[in-house]
Protein backbone atom coordinates (compact mmCIF):
# COMPACT_ATOMS: atom_id res chain seq x y z
CA MET A 1 -1.43 -3.05 12.75
CA PRO A 2 -2.20 -1.77 10.16
CA HIS A 3 -0.19 -3.94 7.82
CA CYS A 4 0.65 -2.19 4.54
CA ILE A 5 1.63 -4.45 1.65
CA LEU A 6 2.83 -2.54 -1.40
CA GLU A 7 3.22 -4.74 -4.46
CA ALA A 8 4.56 -3.68 -7.84
CA SER A 9 5.50 -5.18 -11.17
CA ASP A 10 9.23 -5.02 -11.79
CA ASN A 11 8.87 -3.34 -15.19
CA LEU A 12 8.15 0.10 -13.74
CA LEU A 13 10.20 2.91 -15.27
CA ASP A 14 10.59 4.67 -11.92
CA SER A 15 13.02 3.51 -9.25
CA PRO A 16 11.77 5.30 -6.16
CA ASP A 17 13.47 5.22 -2.83
CA TRP A 18 10.79 2.94 -1.37
CA GLN A 19 11.20 4.59 2.03
CA ASP A 20 9.67 7.80 0.61
CA PRO A 21 6.24 6.39 -0.33
CA LEU A 22 6.25 4.15 2.76
CA GLY A 23 6.92 7.18 4.96
CA ALA A 24 4.12 9.11 3.27
CA ILE A 25 1.77 6.16 3.76
CA HIS A 26 2.67 6.03 7.47
CA ARG A 27 2.18 9.79 7.90
CA THR A 28 -1.18 9.64 6.16
CA LEU A 29 -2.39 6.74 8.31
CA VAL A 30 -1.26 8.47 11.50
CA GLY A 31 -2.94 11.66 10.28
CA THR A 32 -6.33 9.92 10.26
CA GLY A 33 -6.15 9.75 14.06
CA LEU A 34 -7.01 6.05 13.89
CA PHE A 35 -3.53 4.54 14.07
CA SER A 36 -0.31 4.93 16.00
CA GLU A 37 2.97 5.09 14.04
CA ALA A 38 4.42 2.42 16.33
CA ASP A 39 1.77 -0.05 15.16
CA ILE A 40 2.12 0.40 11.38
CA LYS A 41 4.13 -2.22 9.50
CA SER A 42 4.93 -1.86 5.80
CA ARG A 43 6.69 -3.91 3.18
CA VAL A 44 7.31 -3.82 -0.55
CA ILE A 45 7.10 -6.86 -2.80
CA ARG A 46 8.34 -6.62 -6.40
CA HIS A 47 7.02 -9.17 -8.87
CA ALA A 48 9.25 -10.42 -11.67
CA THR A 49 6.60 -12.83 -12.89
CA PHE A 50 3.25 -11.18 -13.58
CA ARG A 51 0.72 -10.52 -16.29
CA VAL A 52 -1.57 -7.52 -16.61
CA ALA A 53 -4.45 -7.86 -19.09
CA ASP A 54 -3.04 -8.90 -22.49
CA GLY A 55 0.52 -9.15 -21.16
CA ALA A 56 1.84 -6.23 -23.24
CA PRO A 57 5.22 -5.02 -21.96
CA ASP A 58 3.90 -1.50 -21.31
CA ARG A 59 1.36 -2.76 -18.76
CA ALA A 60 2.37 -2.46 -15.12
CA PHE A 61 0.82 -2.33 -11.69
CA VAL A 62 1.26 -0.88 -8.24
CA THR A 63 -1.17 -2.01 -5.56
CA LEU A 64 -1.38 -1.23 -1.88
CA GLU A 65 -3.34 -3.38 0.52
CA VAL A 66 -3.83 -1.98 4.01
CA ARG A 67 -5.03 -4.57 6.49
CA ILE A 68 -6.77 -3.16 9.56
CA LEU A 69 -8.77 -4.72 12.38
CA GLU A 70 -12.39 -5.15 11.41
CA GLY A 71 -15.09 -2.85 12.66
CA ARG A 72 -14.40 0.41 10.85
CA PRO A 73 -17.21 1.80 8.67
CA ASP A 74 -16.93 1.57 4.89
CA GLU A 75 -16.87 5.38 4.67
CA VAL A 76 -13.70 5.47 6.82
CA LYS A 77 -12.05 2.82 4.66
CA ALA A 78 -12.97 4.78 1.52
CA ARG A 79 -11.44 7.98 2.96
CA ILE A 80 -8.23 6.12 3.80
CA SER A 81 -8.03 4.71 0.24
CA GLU A 82 -8.65 8.13 -1.28
CA ALA A 83 -5.91 9.67 0.86
CA LEU A 84 -3.36 6.97 -0.04
CA LEU A 85 -3.94 6.75 -3.81
CA PRO A 86 -2.24 10.09 -4.67
CA ILE A 87 0.88 8.98 -2.78
CA LEU A 88 1.28 6.03 -5.13
CA ALA A 89 0.48 8.07 -8.23
CA GLY A 90 3.10 10.62 -7.22
CA ALA A 91 5.76 7.97 -6.66
CA PHE A 92 5.62 6.66 -10.25
CA PRO A 93 5.29 9.68 -12.59
CA ARG A 94 7.40 8.28 -15.44
CA SER A 95 5.55 4.98 -15.43
CA ALA A 96 2.17 6.71 -15.25
CA ALA A 97 3.06 8.93 -18.24
CA ALA A 98 4.59 6.27 -20.50
CA MET A 99 2.91 3.00 -19.51
CA ARG A 100 -0.55 1.59 -18.99
CA LEU A 101 -0.15 1.59 -15.22
CA ASN A 102 -2.81 0.28 -12.87
CA ILE A 103 -2.55 1.84 -9.41
CA THR A 104 -4.90 0.51 -6.76
CA VAL A 105 -5.52 0.73 -3.01
CA GLN A 106 -7.61 -1.67 -0.98
CA ILE A 107 -8.44 -1.61 2.70
CA SER A 108 -9.02 -5.13 4.06
CA ASP A 109 -10.32 -6.28 7.42
CA LEU A 110 -8.35 -8.48 9.77
CA HIS A 111 -10.57 -10.77 11.80
CA ARG A 112 -10.43 -9.27 15.28
CA LEU A 113 -11.08 -12.50 17.21
CA SER A 114 -8.36 -14.49 15.46
CA TYR A 115 -5.68 -11.80 15.06
CA ARG A 116 -2.78 -12.29 17.47
CA ARG A 117 0.46 -10.40 17.97
CA HIS A 118 3.52 -11.19 20.02
CA PRO A 119 5.44 -7.93 20.45
CA SER A 120 9.11 -8.17 21.30
CA GLN A 121 10.37 -5.71 23.87
CA PRO A 122 14.16 -5.25 23.79
CA GLY A 123 16.22 -4.86 26.91
């Protein structure tokens, strides 16, 4: 934890090496002092079927949801969102310049009492 879920429409003009923005997201989260790199899990989901607003072909989206254990103040969540948003904007410059691109970040709470994890320890 945190769990970072990066979703994007598949009509983006940019084809980033997804490891680059994921690495920047990890570094930013670790830099807050709130999270350990070993606990951050990220994934990218591309959507072939989607609709943004009127469905025009120049509409696209990139959205990042970061799920963290509940209990952090809203101000902390806002600072995390503000730090992560430029990473996404920087990863899709062609799309941002030529398309109507929606880029969003949301920090969501995981319910502390019901969250469970079974870590695997090799060897």
